[in-house]
Protein backbone atom coordinates (compact mmCIF):
# COMPACT_ATOMS: atom_id res chain seq x y z
CA MET A 1 49.46 -7.88 -6.84
CA LYS A 2 48.68 -11.47 -7.81
CA ARG A 3 45.88 -10.25 -10.07
CA TYR A 4 48.05 -7.86 -12.05
CA SER A 5 51.05 -10.18 -12.22
CA ARG A 6 48.84 -12.81 -13.87
CA VAL A 7 47.54 -10.37 -16.46
CA SER A 8 50.96 -8.80 -17.08
CA ALA A 9 52.63 -12.18 -17.50
CA THR A 10 50.02 -13.19 -20.06
CA MET A 11 50.53 -9.94 -21.96
CA ALA A 12 54.29 -10.36 -21.91
CA GLY A 13 53.99 -13.88 -23.28
CA VAL A 14 51.73 -12.76 -26.10
CA ALA A 15 54.12 -9.88 -26.84
CA ALA A 16 57.05 -12.27 -27.16
CA LYS A 17 55.14 -14.51 -29.54
CA VAL A 18 53.98 -11.55 -31.61
CA ALA A 19 57.61 -10.48 -31.94
CA GLY A 20 58.50 -14.02 -32.94
CA GLU A 21 55.90 -14.01 -35.68
CA ARG A 22 57.09 -10.68 -37.06
CA VAL A 23 60.85 -11.35 -36.85
CA PHE A 24 61.11 -15.10 -37.37
CA GLY A 25 57.86 -15.87 -39.18
CA VAL A 26 56.55 -18.05 -36.33
CA LYS A 27 52.77 -18.40 -36.75
CA ILE A 28 50.68 -17.15 -33.82
CA GLU A 29 47.98 -19.53 -32.61
CA ARG A 30 45.33 -16.98 -31.79
CA GLU A 31 42.92 -19.46 -30.21
CA LYS A 32 45.53 -20.50 -27.63
CA HIS A 33 46.47 -16.93 -26.85
CA ALA A 34 42.83 -15.96 -26.50
CA ALA A 35 42.38 -18.83 -24.03
CA SER A 36 45.41 -17.61 -22.06
CA LEU A 37 43.97 -14.12 -21.95
CA LEU A 38 40.63 -15.47 -20.74
CA ALA A 39 42.39 -17.44 -17.98
CA ALA A 40 44.23 -14.30 -16.86
CA LEU A 41 41.08 -12.19 -16.74
CA GLY A 42 38.70 -14.80 -15.33
CA ASN A 43 37.18 -14.56 -11.85
CA LEU A 44 38.24 -10.93 -11.40
CA LYS A 45 36.37 -7.96 -10.11
CA GLY A 46 37.16 -4.62 -11.63
CA PRO A 47 37.29 -2.88 -14.99
CA LEU A 48 39.15 -5.55 -16.99
CA MET A 49 36.20 -7.90 -16.59
CA LYS A 50 33.80 -5.18 -17.74
CA VAL A 51 36.06 -4.20 -20.66
CA GLY A 52 36.28 -7.83 -21.75
CA GLN A 53 32.51 -8.17 -21.77
CA ILE A 54 32.12 -4.92 -23.74
CA LEU A 55 34.71 -5.88 -26.35
CA ALA A 56 33.08 -9.27 -26.83
CA THR A 57 29.92 -7.52 -28.03
CA ILE A 58 31.67 -5.19 -30.51
CA PRO A 59 32.59 -7.58 -33.34
CA GLU A 60 34.77 -5.10 -35.22
CA ALA A 61 36.81 -4.20 -32.12
CA LEU A 62 38.89 -7.39 -31.93
CA PRO A 63 39.89 -10.37 -34.05
CA PRO A 64 37.09 -12.95 -33.79
CA GLU A 65 39.17 -15.52 -31.87
CA TYR A 66 39.58 -13.07 -28.99
CA ALA A 67 35.98 -11.87 -29.12
CA GLU A 68 34.79 -15.49 -28.84
CA ALA A 69 36.99 -16.11 -25.80
CA LEU A 70 35.96 -12.88 -24.06
CA GLN A 71 32.30 -13.73 -24.65
CA ASN A 72 32.74 -16.34 -21.91
CA LEU A 73 34.18 -13.87 -19.40
CA GLN A 74 32.08 -13.67 -16.25
CA SER A 75 32.50 -12.24 -12.78
CA ASN A 76 32.60 -15.26 -10.49
CA ALA A 77 34.50 -13.54 -7.70
CA PRO A 78 32.56 -13.53 -4.40
CA PRO A 79 31.17 -10.23 -3.06
CA MET A 80 33.03 -8.32 -0.36
CA GLY A 81 32.10 -9.38 3.17
CA TRP A 82 30.25 -7.62 5.99
CA PRO A 83 33.35 -6.03 7.62
CA PHE A 84 34.10 -4.30 4.30
CA VAL A 85 30.48 -3.17 3.94
CA LYS A 86 30.43 -1.66 7.43
CA ARG A 87 33.68 0.23 6.85
CA ARG A 88 32.56 1.62 3.51
CA MET A 89 29.07 2.57 4.68
CA LYS A 90 30.58 4.39 7.68
CA ALA A 91 32.95 6.24 5.36
CA GLU A 92 30.08 7.30 3.07
CA LEU A 93 27.25 8.07 5.54
CA GLY A 94 28.97 8.49 8.92
CA SER A 95 29.29 6.36 12.04
CA ASP A 96 25.50 6.35 12.58
CA TRP A 97 24.79 5.03 9.10
CA GLU A 98 22.79 2.00 10.29
CA SER A 99 20.27 4.27 12.05
CA LYS A 100 19.33 5.74 8.67
CA PHE A 101 17.78 2.39 7.64
CA LYS A 102 15.01 0.30 9.19
CA THR A 103 16.74 -2.84 7.87
CA PHE A 104 19.93 -3.41 5.87
CA GLY A 105 20.77 -6.76 4.26
CA ARG A 106 24.18 -8.08 5.27
CA ASP A 107 24.51 -10.29 2.21
CA ALA A 108 24.93 -8.73 -1.21
CA ALA A 109 21.83 -9.04 -3.40
CA ALA A 110 24.06 -8.71 -6.48
CA ALA A 111 27.80 -8.38 -7.20
CA ALA A 112 29.17 -6.76 -10.34
CA SER A 113 32.49 -5.64 -11.77
CA LEU A 114 32.81 -2.29 -9.96
CA GLY A 115 30.51 -2.65 -6.95
CA GLN A 116 27.88 -4.69 -5.13
CA VAL A 117 24.23 -4.12 -4.21
CA HIS A 118 22.55 -4.57 -0.83
CA LYS A 119 18.79 -4.49 -0.29
CA ALA A 120 17.56 -2.27 2.55
CA THR A 121 14.33 -0.77 3.93
CA LEU A 122 13.88 2.88 4.89
CA HIS A 123 11.94 4.02 7.96
CA ASP A 124 9.03 5.10 5.76
CA GLY A 125 8.74 1.52 4.45
CA ARG A 126 10.31 2.01 1.02
CA GLU A 127 12.60 -0.78 -0.16
CA VAL A 128 15.86 0.47 -1.65
CA ALA A 129 18.96 -0.83 -3.41
CA CYS A 130 22.29 0.40 -2.02
CA LYS A 131 25.11 0.10 -4.58
CA LEU A 132 28.47 0.30 -2.86
CA GLN A 133 31.65 0.71 -4.89
CA TYR A 134 34.62 -1.59 -4.32
CA PRO A 135 37.70 0.08 -2.81
CA ASP A 136 40.40 1.80 -4.88
CA MET A 137 38.66 1.42 -8.23
CA ASP A 138 40.37 4.57 -9.59
CA SER A 139 43.76 2.86 -9.33
CA ALA A 140 42.35 -0.39 -10.72
CA ILE A 141 41.00 1.38 -13.80
CA ALA A 142 44.30 3.21 -14.41
CA ALA A 143 46.25 -0.06 -14.19
CA ASP A 144 43.75 -2.03 -16.27
CA LEU A 145 43.62 0.59 -19.00
CA SER A 146 47.39 0.44 -19.38
CA GLN A 147 47.08 -3.31 -19.87
CA LEU A 148 44.26 -2.76 -22.35
CA LYS A 149 46.39 -0.31 -24.33
CA LEU A 150 49.13 -2.94 -24.54
CA MET A 151 46.58 -5.52 -25.62
CA PHE A 152 45.37 -3.28 -28.43
CA SER A 153 48.90 -2.44 -29.59
CA LEU A 154 49.70 -6.15 -29.78
CA TYR A 155 46.64 -6.83 -31.91
CA GLU A 156 47.44 -3.97 -34.24
CA SER A 157 51.02 -5.16 -34.70
CA TYR A 158 49.77 -8.17 -36.66
CA ASP A 159 46.17 -7.26 -37.55
CA GLN A 160 45.50 -3.71 -38.74
CA SER A 161 41.92 -4.22 -39.90
CA ILE A 162 40.72 -1.98 -37.05
CA GLN A 163 42.60 0.99 -35.57
CA THR A 164 41.78 0.89 -31.86
CA THR A 165 42.76 4.38 -30.63
CA ASN A 166 39.19 5.70 -30.52
CA ILE A 167 37.92 2.49 -28.93
CA HIS A 168 40.48 2.81 -26.12
CA HIS A 169 39.62 6.48 -25.51
CA GLU A 170 35.90 5.74 -25.41
CA LEU A 171 36.30 2.86 -22.96
CA LYS A 172 38.55 5.01 -20.77
CA ASP A 173 36.06 7.86 -20.56
CA ARG A 174 33.07 5.62 -19.89
CA LEU A 175 34.86 3.56 -17.21
CA TYR A 176 35.88 6.63 -15.24
CA GLU A 177 32.34 7.96 -15.54
CA GLU A 178 31.00 4.71 -14.08
CA LEU A 179 32.93 5.37 -10.86
CA ASP A 180 31.05 8.63 -10.25
CA TYR A 181 27.78 7.61 -8.61
CA GLN A 182 26.72 11.27 -8.37
CA LEU A 183 26.88 11.37 -12.17
CA GLU A 184 24.92 8.12 -12.31
CA SER A 185 22.24 9.62 -10.07
CA ARG A 186 21.83 12.47 -12.58
CA HIS A 187 21.67 9.90 -15.40
CA CYS A 188 18.91 8.14 -13.46
CA GLY A 189 16.98 11.40 -13.18
CA LEU A 190 17.49 12.02 -16.89
CA TYR A 191 16.03 8.61 -17.75
CA ASN A 192 13.04 9.17 -15.49
CA TYR A 193 12.46 12.41 -17.39
CA MET A 194 12.96 10.99 -20.92
CA LEU A 195 10.72 7.99 -20.26
CA ARG A 196 8.07 9.85 -18.24
CA ASP A 197 5.42 9.25 -20.92
CA GLU A 198 6.24 5.57 -21.40
CA PRO A 199 3.70 3.62 -19.31
CA HIS A 200 5.54 0.30 -19.71
CA VAL A 201 9.06 1.36 -18.65
CA PHE A 202 10.09 2.03 -15.04
CA VAL A 203 13.26 3.69 -13.71
CA PRO A 204 14.39 3.78 -10.04
CA GLU A 205 14.26 7.04 -8.09
CA VAL A 206 17.48 8.06 -6.36
CA ILE A 207 17.45 8.87 -2.62
CA PRO A 208 19.86 11.86 -2.60
CA GLU A 209 20.38 12.06 1.17
CA LEU A 210 21.63 8.44 1.18
CA SER A 211 23.84 8.74 -1.90
CA THR A 212 27.44 9.89 -2.36
CA LYS A 213 30.10 9.65 -5.06
CA ARG A 214 30.69 5.98 -4.13
CA LEU A 215 27.30 4.97 -2.73
CA LEU A 216 24.08 5.09 -4.75
CA THR A 217 20.76 4.45 -3.00
CA ALA A 218 17.63 4.19 -5.15
CA THR A 219 14.19 2.63 -4.93
CA TRP A 220 14.09 -1.14 -5.32
CA LEU A 221 12.15 -2.39 -8.36
CA ASP A 222 10.87 -5.96 -8.24
CA GLY A 223 10.96 -8.01 -11.41
CA GLN A 224 11.85 -11.36 -12.96
CA LYS A 225 14.82 -12.19 -15.15
CA ILE A 226 14.03 -11.86 -18.82
CA LEU A 227 15.25 -15.40 -19.55
CA ASP A 228 12.46 -16.69 -17.30
CA PHE A 229 10.12 -15.84 -20.20
CA LYS A 230 11.85 -17.84 -22.94
CA THR A 231 9.05 -20.43 -22.92
CA ALA A 232 6.18 -18.01 -22.29
CA PRO A 233 3.35 -17.68 -24.86
CA ALA A 234 4.29 -15.76 -28.01
CA LYS A 235 2.05 -12.81 -27.09
CA THR A 236 3.88 -12.41 -23.78
CA ARG A 237 7.33 -12.58 -25.37
CA ASN A 238 6.37 -10.10 -28.07
CA GLU A 239 5.01 -7.61 -25.54
CA ILE A 240 8.22 -7.77 -23.49
CA ALA A 241 10.30 -7.22 -26.63
CA LEU A 242 8.25 -4.18 -27.64
CA ASN A 243 8.65 -2.64 -24.18
CA MET A 244 12.40 -3.31 -24.31
CA PHE A 245 12.64 -1.67 -27.73
CA ARG A 246 11.00 1.51 -26.48
CA ALA A 247 13.03 1.54 -23.25
CA TRP A 248 16.26 1.76 -25.25
CA TYR A 249 15.32 3.68 -28.37
CA VAL A 250 12.88 6.39 -27.24
CA PRO A 251 15.81 8.11 -25.44
CA LEU A 252 18.06 7.72 -28.51
CA TYR A 253 15.77 9.07 -31.22
CA TYR A 254 13.98 11.66 -29.08
CA TYR A 255 16.95 12.88 -27.01
CA GLY A 256 20.17 11.49 -28.53
CA VAL A 257 20.94 9.42 -25.42
CA ILE A 258 21.56 5.68 -25.13
CA HIS A 259 21.92 3.21 -22.26
CA GLY A 260 25.24 1.64 -23.26
CA ASP A 261 25.07 -1.56 -21.23
CA PRO A 262 22.28 -3.94 -22.32
CA HIS A 263 23.52 -6.59 -19.87
CA MET A 264 20.96 -9.17 -18.74
CA GLY A 265 21.23 -7.92 -15.16
CA ASN A 266 20.35 -4.34 -16.12
CA TYR A 267 16.66 -4.88 -16.69
CA SER A 268 13.88 -7.02 -15.31
CA VAL A 269 10.26 -7.79 -16.17
CA ARG A 270 7.37 -6.73 -13.94
CA GLN A 271 4.17 -8.72 -13.40
CA ASP A 272 2.33 -6.68 -16.04
CA LEU A 273 5.24 -7.29 -18.48
CA SER A 274 6.53 -3.73 -18.13
CA ILE A 275 10.30 -3.28 -18.04
CA ASN A 276 12.46 -2.13 -15.14
CA LEU A 277 15.52 -0.35 -16.55
CA LEU A 278 18.45 -0.41 -14.12
CA ASP A 279 22.07 0.72 -13.68
CA PHE A 280 22.83 4.05 -15.36
CA GLY A 281 26.60 4.13 -15.02
CA CYS A 282 27.17 3.63 -18.75
CA VAL A 283 25.15 6.30 -20.55
CA ARG A 284 26.25 7.87 -23.85
CA VAL A 285 25.07 11.23 -25.18
CA PHE A 286 25.43 11.48 -28.96
CA PRO A 287 25.79 14.59 -31.10
CA CYS A 288 22.50 15.23 -32.88
CA GLU A 289 24.32 14.89 -36.23
CA PHE A 290 25.31 11.34 -35.27
CA VAL A 291 21.70 10.35 -34.60
CA GLY A 292 20.70 11.94 -37.89
CA GLY A 293 23.38 9.84 -39.58
CA VAL A 294 21.80 6.67 -38.16
CA ILE A 295 18.53 7.55 -39.88
CA ASP A 296 20.29 8.71 -43.05
CA LEU A 297 21.99 5.33 -43.38
CA TYR A 298 18.67 3.56 -42.87
CA ARG A 299 17.11 5.60 -45.69
CA ALA A 300 20.19 5.04 -47.87
CA LEU A 301 19.88 1.26 -47.52
CA GLN A 302 16.13 1.45 -48.01
CA ASN A 303 16.46 3.42 -51.27
CA ASP A 304 19.81 2.03 -52.47
CA ASP A 305 21.25 5.56 -52.22
CA ARG A 306 25.03 5.17 -52.07
CA ASP A 307 25.70 8.91 -51.89
CA LEU A 308 23.50 9.23 -48.79
CA ALA A 309 25.27 6.23 -47.22
CA VAL A 310 28.66 7.87 -47.79
CA HIS A 311 27.28 11.09 -46.28
CA ALA A 312 26.16 9.13 -43.20
CA PHE A 313 29.61 7.56 -42.78
CA GLN A 314 31.25 10.98 -43.13
CA THR A 315 28.82 12.47 -40.60
CA TRP A 316 29.98 9.83 -38.12
CA GLY A 317 33.65 10.64 -38.68
CA PHE A 318 34.80 7.95 -41.15
CA ASP A 319 37.34 9.91 -43.18
CA ASN A 320 38.88 9.24 -46.60
CA LEU A 321 37.05 5.98 -47.24
CA ASN A 322 37.71 4.32 -50.58
CA LYS A 323 35.13 2.41 -52.61
CA ASP A 324 36.09 -1.02 -51.23
CA GLN A 325 36.00 0.20 -47.62
CA ILE A 326 32.56 1.71 -48.19
CA ASP A 327 31.32 -1.56 -49.70
CA THR A 328 32.64 -3.46 -46.68
CA LEU A 329 31.06 -1.10 -44.15
CA LEU A 330 27.78 -1.46 -46.04
CA ILE A 331 27.91 -5.22 -45.42
CA TRP A 332 27.92 -4.59 -41.66
CA ALA A 333 25.30 -1.85 -41.97
CA GLY A 334 23.10 -4.15 -44.03
CA PHE A 335 23.29 -6.78 -41.28
CA LEU A 336 22.39 -4.34 -38.48
CA TYR A 337 19.54 -2.67 -40.38
CA GLU A 338 18.15 -5.75 -42.13
CA PRO A 339 15.33 -6.47 -39.62
CA LEU A 340 14.25 -2.81 -39.81
CA LEU A 341 14.14 -2.84 -43.61
CA ASP A 342 12.00 -5.99 -43.86
CA ASN A 343 8.33 -4.98 -43.73
CA ARG A 344 6.84 -8.14 -42.23
CA THR A 345 6.39 -9.89 -38.90
CA ARG A 346 9.54 -11.90 -38.16
CA VAL A 347 12.21 -12.77 -35.59
CA ILE A 348 15.04 -10.25 -35.54
CA GLY A 349 17.69 -12.79 -36.56
CA LYS A 350 19.60 -15.82 -35.39
CA THR A 351 22.78 -16.47 -33.47
CA GLU A 352 25.88 -17.61 -35.34
CA ALA A 353 28.33 -19.75 -33.34
CA GLY A 354 26.34 -18.70 -30.26
CA VAL A 355 26.80 -14.95 -30.83
CA TYR A 356 24.52 -12.57 -32.72
CA GLY A 357 26.31 -11.26 -35.80
CA ARG A 358 29.46 -13.36 -35.43
CA GLU A 359 29.76 -14.70 -38.99
CA THR A 360 28.98 -11.33 -40.56
CA ALA A 361 31.58 -9.75 -38.29
CA ARG A 362 34.16 -12.33 -39.40
CA LYS A 363 33.53 -11.48 -43.03
CA VAL A 364 33.76 -7.73 -42.43
CA HIS A 365 36.88 -8.08 -40.29
CA GLN A 366 38.67 -10.14 -42.95
CA ARG A 367 37.73 -7.69 -45.72
CA LEU A 368 38.91 -4.69 -43.71
CA ARG A 369 42.17 -6.44 -42.94
CA GLU A 370 42.78 -6.97 -46.66
CA LEU A 371 41.94 -3.32 -47.39
CA GLY A 372 44.28 -1.81 -44.80
CA GLY A 373 41.79 -1.14 -42.01
CA VAL A 374 39.58 1.70 -40.76
CA THR A 375 39.32 3.74 -37.56
CA PRO A 376 35.82 3.42 -36.04
CA PRO A 377 34.45 6.63 -34.45
CA ARG A 378 34.23 6.61 -30.66
CA GLU A 379 30.44 6.66 -30.73
CA PHE A 380 30.37 3.25 -32.43
CA VAL A 381 31.63 1.42 -29.35
CA PHE A 382 28.37 1.68 -27.42
CA MET A 383 26.02 2.09 -30.39
CA ASP A 384 27.06 -1.34 -31.67
CA ARG A 385 27.04 -2.78 -28.15
CA ALA A 386 23.44 -1.67 -27.63
CA ALA A 387 22.28 -2.90 -31.05
CA LEU A 388 23.87 -6.33 -30.69
CA GLY A 389 22.98 -6.70 -27.01
CA LEU A 390 19.32 -5.97 -27.64
CA GLY A 391 19.32 -8.14 -30.74
CA SER A 392 20.54 -11.04 -28.60
CA VAL A 393 17.71 -10.43 -26.09
CA PHE A 394 15.11 -10.46 -28.85
CA ILE A 395 16.58 -13.69 -30.20
CA HIS A 396 16.41 -15.28 -26.72
CA LEU A 397 12.74 -14.31 -26.61
CA GLN A 398 12.14 -15.42 -30.21
CA ALA A 399 9.95 -12.35 -30.49
CA GLU A 400 8.06 -12.09 -33.80
CA ILE A 401 7.34 -8.45 -34.56
CA ASN A 402 7.19 -6.15 -37.56
CA TRP A 403 10.39 -4.31 -36.58
CA HIS A 404 10.15 -2.15 -39.71
CA ARG A 405 6.77 -0.77 -38.67
CA ILE A 406 7.73 0.11 -35.08
CA PHE A 407 10.96 1.73 -36.25
CA GLU A 408 9.17 3.79 -38.90
CA ASP A 409 6.65 4.92 -36.28
CA MET A 410 9.49 5.94 -33.96
CA ILE A 411 11.40 8.05 -36.50
CA GLU A 412 8.35 9.52 -38.26
CA GLY A 413 8.77 13.27 -38.56
CA PHE A 414 12.36 13.16 -37.25
CA ASP A 415 13.83 16.67 -37.22
CA ARG A 416 17.43 17.39 -36.21
CA LYS A 417 16.63 20.85 -34.84
CA GLU A 418 13.80 19.50 -32.70
CA LEU A 419 16.12 16.76 -31.41
CA GLU A 420 18.74 19.37 -30.57
CA ASN A 421 16.22 21.46 -28.60
CA ARG A 422 14.90 18.44 -26.66
CA GLN A 423 18.43 17.26 -25.89
CA LYS A 424 19.54 20.71 -24.71
CA ALA A 425 16.54 21.02 -22.40
CA ALA A 426 16.97 17.53 -20.92
CA LEU A 427 20.73 17.78 -20.35
CA GLY A 428 20.39 21.26 -18.89
CA LYS A 429 17.73 20.06 -16.44
CA PHE A 430 20.18 17.52 -14.96
CA ASN A 431 23.43 19.46 -15.45
CA LEU A 432 24.83 16.89 -17.89
CA PHE A 433 26.52 19.15 -20.41
CA LYS A 434 30.13 18.24 -21.23
CA GLY A 435 32.99 20.71 -21.02
C-alpha cells in the first residue's frame, strides 16, 4: 500500500502541474518531475522497476529528461527471506521439496525485479539455479500498468512527438509473459536449439521435474561479469564482443527471434571467453517481413535508396509518413546502422551524456515533436532495446571490430522464405506459436 501510494501521489502531482501548464501557461520543469518519478520508483521490486529500465533504453519512447532519470533506476530492495522461500518452494514442489535437492542455498544468489535466484545442487551432482517468483506479481503488474498508462497519457498531453499506445501494449504483453516460467522454459529450449551450432555460446538446460509456472530450475553456468574484462587485452575484448554479437543476432537473422533484455546480469563470460546467455523471460518473435525490413533499410542506407527505405518503414507499420517524418526517421536509422555501414575496423561508437545514442535521440525527438509525432510499431520497443543495450556493452569493452564485415557475413544469402521455414520449424518444436 505504501509503495503504490507513493507512486500514485507522484503521478497526481505531475498531473496537476500538467493541467496548470495547459490551462494557465505555467511552465513544467521536466527535470524536477523526472527526479520525483525516480524517487517514487526507486528501491522497488516488481514491474515498474523493470519498465523504467526498459524505457530508459528506448530513446524515442520518452522525453529525454525522463529517460535520463530512469537510466539511474536500480533494484536495491533486499531479497525475500528464508521463511518466504520455504513457503513458496513448498507451494511449488510439495512439502518434501527439500529432499529433491542435495543442497539448497538459503541466501539468494541474485535478486531481480520479478523474482530471485537460489543456487542448489541435485543428487546427481549437477549445480542448478532455482528462480522463484515473488508473490502476487499478477496483481502488481496490473496495478503498475495502470500507472504506466497514466504516465504515458501525461507525457502525450504536452509532448506528442511519440504516440505511446503501441509501446504500452508491447510492454504489457511482455511483462505478463515474463511471469510464466513454463513459457520461459520453452524459450530456453528454443535458444538451445537455435544456438546449437554456435560453439562459443552456452544456454542453460531446464530441469522440467523441478520447474513450475512460478519456479524455474535450470543448470548453473559459471562465468564472470563482462565488466571484469574492461581492462583485458584488446584481443580478449574483441573475442568477447564477437561472441556476444552472434549470441544475439544469429537467432534474429536465422529465426526471427530476439532476446529482448540485454541487461548486464543476463550474460556472463566463461574461462575460454565463450558467452553464457541467461534469463529467457523477455523473448520477442518477429514476423519474417519485419526482419526483412531490417535488412532492406540497411541496403537502402548503403545505396542511398530512399524508395527502399520508405518500403522498409511501411513494412514495419509506419503509416502515412510525410517527407519530413521520413527524413527524421532516417537520422535515427543512420545512427543505428552507421557502424555496420563503415567497412573498417573500429569501435562501435561512443556514449553521449553517459548513454549510447542520447544526443541523436534528443535531435530526433525534437524534430518529431515539431512535425506532429509518429506511432512506433510494437516491434520497435525491444528491437531498439537490444540494439542500444548491445551497443553499450561493446562500448564498455572498447571492442575494435569490422562490424560491417561480420554483419555482411551474417545476412549473406538472406531469403525470407527460408527464414519463414526455419522459424516455423523452431516454434513448432517448442509449441511457441501465438494464437
